[in-house]
Amino acid sequence: MAVVVCAFAVAVLEGYDIPKAGNVHSAPTGVDPGVLYATAFTFLTGALHALIQPVRQAMVANTVPRSELWNAIALNAIAGNVARVVGPALGGVIYAWLSPAANFFIQGGLLLLMALMMVPLTLPYREEGTARQASVFANLTQGFRYVASERVIRHLLLLSYIPALFVASIIQMIPVIAERVLAKGPEVGGVLVGAMGVGGILGTLSFASMGGVANRGGIGLLALVLLSGSVVVLGLSPWLGVSLAAMFCMGVFRMAFQINNNTLLQSHLPDGLRGRVMALYQLDGGFTPLASMAVGVLASFVPVQRVVVLVGSLSLTLALYACVVYADVRHLAEGQA
């Protein structure tokens, strides 16, 4: 991924910037080269991210003893929230002080450094392999069969897709909410996203400190219900203060659910199938852009507040349904068979 990021930085350095409206030039297809480079960059980084994330998630469970899995997953989750808070501000500073290309060169260098740091990494808590070496298709099939045969694993995976479809897609609409609902500028949209990031960090630290007290399926289901309710409140609110509180709560409850769901899932997976199942777990990274596109199209025809309320209500309905029907998850505890 570092190579891809640096290659895109070179393209930006050479002047292939994404054009402003009406400034299309010098491509046989009539499409600016900058658009082509940006599209290829997005596609490749998305594909590489899909390969990297399941491995990273699986490695967490093999790096620490099982008793420390909850805290390890919580610590791993903090990174995304810190990036959500610090990343846009830091990127803006680099963009203004240096250049867009410098931004990508720094990102590529940090990715390369991360890859080098992982080379000597050992996995001291890995079990003996239980899955056979086979073709990619055979391994994928085996992963699907395992999930289909294990009801608890299947339910945990299905639950993990609800925030990806109905919560993460709303985050992409925050600038529109800031402009059309709150009548504010883009800086307020940044503040709203930042409030969610702060909520995520504080929620992660709080739940990490609770340890085994919170690693129960019922806690995760409750967090999912409260997360969905926060989305509904965001859609109903015309006031900045209430919207900030809703975003903060979304950050808290989203991380509470993700840490709980991830810990329960990983504590019940055999190492030989962990990577395959975590690859299915990471499908939410593909669902979110598709859901965001659908939400954006819908918001072109329906007021954005109604769209947010509709999406939040669907999420809340599914969460309540899971609370009633998924009794196996509701009574599940970490490491419990």
Protein backbone atom coordinates (compact mmCIF):
# COMPACT_ATOMS: atom_id res chain seq x y z
CA MET A 1 0.00 0.00 0.00
CA ALA A 2 2.91 2.35 0.70
CA VAL A 3 4.02 1.98 -2.93
CA VAL A 4 0.53 2.83 -4.20
CA VAL A 5 0.29 5.90 -1.98
CA CYS A 6 3.72 7.17 -3.03
CA ALA A 7 2.89 6.55 -6.71
CA PHE A 8 -0.20 8.69 -6.32
CA ALA A 9 1.93 11.35 -4.61
CA VAL A 10 4.20 11.39 -7.67
CA ALA A 11 1.15 11.83 -9.88
CA VAL A 12 0.00 14.77 -7.77
CA LEU A 13 3.53 16.21 -7.82
CA GLU A 14 3.53 16.02 -11.62
CA GLY A 15 0.42 18.16 -11.71
CA TYR A 16 -2.35 15.63 -12.32
CA ASP A 17 -4.71 17.28 -9.87
CA ILE A 18 -8.40 16.54 -9.94
CA PRO A 19 -9.79 19.35 -12.10
CA LYS A 20 -12.35 21.94 -11.23
CA ALA A 21 -15.65 21.88 -13.08
CA GLY A 22 -15.23 22.50 -16.77
CA ASN A 23 -11.47 22.01 -16.72
CA VAL A 24 -11.24 18.68 -18.58
CA HIS A 25 -8.22 18.30 -20.82
CA SER A 26 -5.54 16.21 -22.45
CA ALA A 27 -7.05 12.72 -22.21
CA PRO A 28 -8.21 10.69 -25.23
CA THR A 29 -11.34 9.67 -23.35
CA GLY A 30 -12.20 13.25 -22.44
CA VAL A 31 -11.57 12.47 -18.79
CA ASP A 32 -8.83 14.37 -16.99
CA PRO A 33 -5.83 12.16 -16.05
CA GLY A 34 -6.15 13.35 -12.48
CA VAL A 35 -9.59 11.75 -12.24
CA LEU A 36 -8.22 8.49 -13.65
CA TYR A 37 -5.31 8.50 -11.20
CA ALA A 38 -7.62 9.26 -8.28
CA THR A 39 -10.03 6.50 -9.30
CA ALA A 40 -7.22 3.95 -9.65
CA PHE A 41 -5.73 5.07 -6.33
CA THR A 42 -9.06 4.67 -4.53
CA PHE A 43 -9.68 1.26 -6.06
CA LEU A 44 -6.21 -0.10 -5.29
CA THR A 45 -6.05 1.22 -1.74
CA GLY A 46 -9.53 -0.17 -1.07
CA ALA A 47 -8.50 -3.60 -2.39
CA LEU A 48 -5.25 -3.59 -0.39
CA HIS A 49 -7.07 -2.43 2.72
CA ALA A 50 -9.42 -5.39 2.34
CA LEU A 51 -6.39 -7.70 2.36
CA ILE A 52 -4.58 -6.01 5.24
CA GLN A 53 -7.40 -5.53 7.75
CA PRO A 54 -8.40 -9.19 8.25
CA VAL A 55 -4.74 -10.06 8.89
CA ARG A 56 -4.33 -7.21 11.37
CA GLN A 57 -7.52 -8.15 13.18
CA ALA A 58 -6.53 -11.82 13.34
CA MET A 59 -3.05 -10.96 14.61
CA VAL A 60 -4.47 -9.11 17.61
CA ALA A 61 -5.91 -12.32 19.03
CA ASN A 62 -2.59 -14.15 18.58
CA THR A 63 -0.42 -11.43 20.10
CA VAL A 64 -1.91 -11.35 23.60
CA PRO A 65 -3.22 -14.03 26.00
CA ARG A 66 -6.94 -14.69 25.74
CA SER A 67 -7.59 -12.98 29.08
CA GLU A 68 -6.26 -9.72 27.62
CA LEU A 69 -8.17 -9.90 24.32
CA TRP A 70 -10.79 -7.35 25.34
CA ASN A 71 -8.18 -4.71 26.21
CA ALA A 72 -6.12 -5.48 23.10
CA ILE A 73 -9.09 -5.01 20.77
CA ALA A 74 -10.04 -1.82 22.60
CA LEU A 75 -6.51 -0.46 22.23
CA ASN A 76 -6.54 -1.37 18.54
CA ALA A 77 -9.84 0.45 18.12
CA ILE A 78 -8.48 3.69 19.56
CA ALA A 79 -6.30 4.18 16.48
CA GLY A 80 -9.29 4.73 14.20
CA ASN A 81 -10.83 7.31 16.50
CA VAL A 82 -7.57 9.18 16.99
CA ALA A 83 -7.18 9.26 13.21
CA ARG A 84 -10.74 10.59 12.89
CA VAL A 85 -9.98 13.46 15.26
CA VAL A 86 -6.35 14.24 14.41
CA GLY A 87 -6.13 13.12 10.77
CA PRO A 88 -8.19 15.82 9.04
CA ALA A 89 -6.54 18.62 11.01
CA LEU A 90 -3.02 17.27 10.46
CA GLY A 91 -3.70 16.64 6.78
CA GLY A 92 -4.99 20.18 6.38
CA VAL A 93 -1.86 21.62 7.99
CA ILE A 94 0.44 19.57 5.74
CA TYR A 95 -1.63 20.51 2.70
CA ALA A 96 -1.39 24.22 3.55
CA TRP A 97 2.25 24.34 4.67
CA LEU A 98 3.78 21.91 2.18
CA SER A 99 1.71 20.48 -0.67
CA PRO A 100 -0.85 17.80 -1.52
CA ALA A 101 1.96 15.57 -2.81
CA ALA A 102 3.88 15.93 0.49
CA ASN A 103 0.77 14.73 2.29
CA PHE A 104 0.75 11.48 0.31
CA PHE A 105 4.54 11.01 0.52
CA ILE A 106 4.35 11.25 4.33
CA GLN A 107 1.44 8.81 4.39
CA GLY A 108 3.32 6.36 2.18
CA GLY A 109 6.44 6.64 4.32
CA LEU A 110 4.50 5.93 7.49
CA LEU A 111 2.84 2.90 5.88
CA LEU A 112 6.25 1.60 4.85
CA LEU A 113 7.56 2.13 8.38
CA MET A 114 4.56 0.22 9.76
CA ALA A 115 5.26 -2.68 7.39
CA LEU A 116 8.93 -2.82 8.49
CA MET A 117 7.91 -2.81 12.15
CA MET A 118 5.69 -5.84 11.54
CA VAL A 119 8.46 -7.96 9.98
CA PRO A 120 10.03 -9.14 13.28
CA LEU A 121 6.64 -9.49 14.97
CA THR A 122 5.91 -12.92 16.47
CA LEU A 123 2.55 -14.42 17.44
CA PRO A 124 3.20 -16.23 20.73
CA TYR A 125 -0.42 -17.18 21.37
CA ARG A 126 -1.19 -18.94 18.12
CA GLU A 127 -2.75 -22.41 18.18
CA GLU A 128 -1.71 -25.26 15.95
CA GLY A 129 -3.26 -24.89 12.51
CA THR A 130 -6.62 -26.61 12.09
CA ALA A 131 -7.26 -25.66 8.46
CA ARG A 132 -5.63 -27.34 5.49
CA GLN A 133 -3.61 -25.58 2.84
CA ALA A 134 -5.78 -25.33 -0.26
CA SER A 135 -6.71 -23.05 -3.12
CA VAL A 136 -8.12 -19.59 -2.52
CA PHE A 137 -11.57 -20.73 -3.59
CA ALA A 138 -11.44 -23.80 -1.32
CA ASN A 139 -10.33 -21.67 1.65
CA LEU A 140 -13.11 -19.17 0.98
CA THR A 141 -15.66 -21.95 0.72
CA GLN A 142 -14.43 -23.45 3.98
CA GLY A 143 -14.84 -20.09 5.71
CA PHE A 144 -18.42 -19.72 4.45
CA ARG A 145 -19.26 -23.27 5.51
CA TYR A 146 -17.88 -22.69 8.98
CA VAL A 147 -19.93 -19.50 9.43
CA ALA A 148 -23.05 -21.22 8.06
CA SER A 149 -22.63 -24.11 10.50
CA GLU A 150 -21.96 -21.99 13.59
CA ARG A 151 -25.08 -20.06 14.56
CA VAL A 152 -23.45 -17.77 17.13
CA ILE A 153 -20.66 -16.78 14.73
CA ARG A 154 -23.20 -16.16 11.99
CA HIS A 155 -25.30 -13.94 14.26
CA LEU A 156 -22.27 -11.94 15.43
CA LEU A 157 -21.24 -11.33 11.82
CA LEU A 158 -24.74 -10.24 10.80
CA LEU A 159 -24.88 -7.84 13.73
CA SER A 160 -21.55 -6.31 12.72
CA TYR A 161 -23.01 -5.32 9.35
CA ILE A 162 -25.81 -3.19 10.84
CA PRO A 163 -23.61 -0.19 11.81
CA ALA A 164 -21.76 -0.46 8.48
CA LEU A 165 -24.99 -0.15 6.53
CA PHE A 166 -27.01 2.24 8.69
CA VAL A 167 -24.55 4.27 10.78
CA ALA A 168 -21.30 4.68 8.85
CA SER A 169 -23.29 5.71 5.76
CA ILE A 170 -24.79 8.61 7.72
CA ILE A 171 -21.35 9.93 8.67
CA GLN A 172 -20.77 10.76 4.99
CA MET A 173 -23.86 13.00 5.14
CA ILE A 174 -22.58 15.16 8.01
CA PRO A 175 -21.49 18.07 5.73
CA VAL A 176 -24.96 18.07 4.18
CA ILE A 177 -26.58 18.01 7.62
CA ALA A 178 -24.41 20.93 8.75
CA GLU A 179 -25.39 22.98 5.70
CA ARG A 180 -29.04 22.12 5.10
CA VAL A 181 -30.29 21.34 8.60
CA LEU A 182 -28.12 23.41 10.93
CA ALA A 183 -27.48 26.22 8.39
CA LYS A 184 -23.77 26.19 9.23
CA GLY A 185 -20.54 26.05 7.24
CA PRO A 186 -18.23 23.10 6.58
CA GLU A 187 -16.27 23.81 9.74
CA VAL A 188 -19.30 22.75 11.78
CA GLY A 189 -19.38 19.48 9.87
CA GLY A 190 -15.80 18.93 10.97
CA VAL A 191 -16.73 19.68 14.57
CA LEU A 192 -19.59 17.15 14.41
CA VAL A 193 -17.28 14.42 13.11
CA GLY A 194 -14.73 15.42 15.73
CA ALA A 195 -17.36 15.05 18.46
CA MET A 196 -17.96 11.50 17.29
CA GLY A 197 -14.23 10.81 17.35
CA VAL A 198 -13.88 12.18 20.89
CA GLY A 199 -16.85 10.08 21.97
CA GLY A 200 -15.22 7.04 20.40
CA ILE A 201 -11.93 7.61 22.23
CA LEU A 202 -13.58 8.19 25.60
CA GLY A 203 -15.93 5.27 25.06
CA THR A 204 -13.05 2.99 24.13
CA LEU A 205 -11.04 3.96 27.19
CA SER A 206 -14.07 3.56 29.45
CA PHE A 207 -15.03 0.15 28.13
CA ALA A 208 -11.42 -1.04 28.12
CA SER A 209 -11.20 -0.21 31.82
CA MET A 210 -14.32 -2.29 32.52
CA GLY A 211 -12.66 -5.48 31.25
CA GLY A 212 -14.69 -8.63 31.78
CA VAL A 213 -17.67 -6.73 33.18
CA ALA A 214 -18.73 -5.57 29.72
CA ASN A 215 -17.74 -8.50 27.51
CA ARG A 216 -21.27 -9.91 27.36
CA GLY A 217 -23.48 -10.22 24.31
CA GLY A 218 -26.32 -8.36 26.01
CA ILE A 219 -24.08 -5.32 26.51
CA GLY A 220 -23.24 -5.27 22.80
CA LEU A 221 -26.91 -5.52 21.80
CA LEU A 222 -27.79 -2.67 24.18
CA ALA A 223 -24.99 -0.56 22.68
CA LEU A 224 -26.34 -1.26 19.18
CA VAL A 225 -29.85 -0.14 20.23
CA LEU A 226 -28.49 3.07 21.79
CA LEU A 227 -26.30 3.70 18.74
CA SER A 228 -29.30 3.40 16.43
CA GLY A 229 -31.34 5.66 18.71
CA SER A 230 -28.60 8.29 18.55
CA VAL A 231 -28.84 8.28 14.75
CA VAL A 232 -32.61 8.90 15.02
CA VAL A 233 -31.99 11.81 17.42
CA LEU A 234 -29.46 13.27 14.98
CA GLY A 235 -32.05 13.16 12.21
CA LEU A 236 -34.73 14.82 14.35
CA SER A 237 -32.50 17.57 15.74
CA PRO A 238 -32.44 21.09 14.23
CA TRP A 239 -30.17 22.32 17.05
CA LEU A 240 -26.38 22.25 17.02
CA GLY A 241 -26.03 21.31 20.70
CA VAL A 242 -28.33 18.30 20.40
CA SER A 243 -26.62 17.22 17.16
CA LEU A 244 -23.21 17.41 18.86
CA ALA A 245 -24.52 15.31 21.75
CA ALA A 246 -26.00 12.78 19.31
CA MET A 247 -22.70 12.50 17.43
CA PHE A 248 -20.78 12.12 20.69
CA CYS A 249 -23.13 9.31 21.77
CA MET A 250 -22.77 7.68 18.36
CA GLY A 251 -19.02 7.59 18.90
CA VAL A 252 -19.37 6.08 22.39
CA PHE A 253 -21.92 3.42 21.51
CA ARG A 254 -20.39 2.55 18.16
CA MET A 255 -17.08 1.71 19.79
CA ALA A 256 -18.80 -0.10 22.65
CA PHE A 257 -20.60 -2.32 20.16
CA GLN A 258 -17.58 -2.89 17.93
CA ILE A 259 -15.25 -3.82 20.79
CA ASN A 260 -17.86 -6.11 22.31
CA ASN A 261 -18.78 -7.76 19.01
CA ASN A 262 -15.17 -8.19 17.88
CA THR A 263 -14.05 -9.65 21.21
CA LEU A 264 -16.91 -12.15 21.37
CA LEU A 265 -16.32 -13.18 17.78
CA GLN A 266 -12.56 -13.62 18.09
CA SER A 267 -12.78 -15.46 21.40
CA HIS A 268 -14.87 -18.16 19.71
CA LEU A 269 -12.81 -18.65 16.54
CA PRO A 270 -10.18 -21.36 15.99
CA ASP A 271 -6.90 -19.92 14.73
CA GLY A 272 -7.00 -22.02 11.59
CA LEU A 273 -10.16 -20.23 10.42
CA ARG A 274 -9.66 -16.87 12.11
CA GLY A 275 -8.34 -15.06 9.02
CA ARG A 276 -11.16 -16.33 6.81
CA VAL A 277 -13.89 -15.35 9.22
CA MET A 278 -12.30 -11.96 9.89
CA ALA A 279 -12.23 -11.39 6.14
CA LEU A 280 -16.01 -11.81 6.18
CA TYR A 281 -16.12 -9.52 9.21
CA GLN A 282 -14.30 -6.85 7.23
CA LEU A 283 -16.92 -6.91 4.46
CA ASP A 284 -18.41 -3.91 6.21
CA GLY A 285 -15.68 -1.86 4.53
CA GLY A 286 -17.32 -2.67 1.21
CA PHE A 287 -20.89 -2.30 2.43
CA THR A 288 -20.36 1.22 3.79
CA PRO A 289 -19.48 2.97 0.47
CA LEU A 290 -22.40 1.25 -1.26
CA ALA A 291 -24.77 2.24 1.54
CA SER A 292 -23.38 5.80 1.49
CA MET A 293 -24.06 6.02 -2.23
CA ALA A 294 -27.64 4.84 -1.72
CA VAL A 295 -28.18 7.32 1.12
CA GLY A 296 -26.72 10.13 -0.99
CA VAL A 297 -29.03 9.33 -3.91
CA LEU A 298 -32.03 9.19 -1.59
CA ALA A 299 -31.07 12.55 -0.06
CA SER A 300 -31.25 14.06 -3.55
CA PHE A 301 -35.00 13.46 -3.56
CA VAL A 302 -35.94 13.46 0.12
CA PRO A 303 -34.98 16.00 2.83
CA VAL A 304 -31.80 14.84 4.51
CA GLN A 305 -33.42 14.85 7.97
CA ARG A 306 -36.00 12.32 6.83
CA VAL A 307 -33.28 10.18 5.30
CA VAL A 308 -31.32 10.11 8.56
CA VAL A 309 -34.45 9.30 10.58
CA LEU A 310 -35.38 6.53 8.11
CA VAL A 311 -31.92 4.96 8.18
CA GLY A 312 -31.73 5.24 11.98
CA SER A 313 -35.18 3.71 12.34
CA LEU A 314 -34.22 0.75 10.15
CA SER A 315 -31.10 0.23 12.26
CA LEU A 316 -33.13 0.50 15.46
CA THR A 317 -35.70 -2.00 14.19
CA LEU A 318 -33.00 -4.54 13.32
CA ALA A 319 -31.25 -3.98 16.66
CA LEU A 320 -34.46 -4.54 18.62
CA TYR A 321 -35.23 -7.61 16.51
CA ALA A 322 -31.79 -9.01 17.35
CA CYS A 323 -32.34 -8.35 21.04
CA VAL A 324 -35.48 -10.47 20.94
CA VAL A 325 -34.47 -13.23 18.50
CA TYR A 326 -30.70 -13.65 19.04
CA ALA A 327 -30.94 -15.19 22.51
CA ASP A 328 -27.65 -17.01 21.90
CA VAL A 329 -25.84 -13.69 21.50
CA ARG A 330 -27.76 -12.05 24.33
CA HIS A 331 -26.51 -14.63 26.83
CA LEU A 332 -23.05 -15.03 25.33
CA ALA A 333 -19.89 -14.28 27.28
CA GLU A 334 -16.25 -14.09 26.16
CA GLY A 335 -14.77 -17.55 25.82
CA GLN A 336 -18.10 -19.22 26.56
CA ALA A 337 -18.95 -22.11 24.28
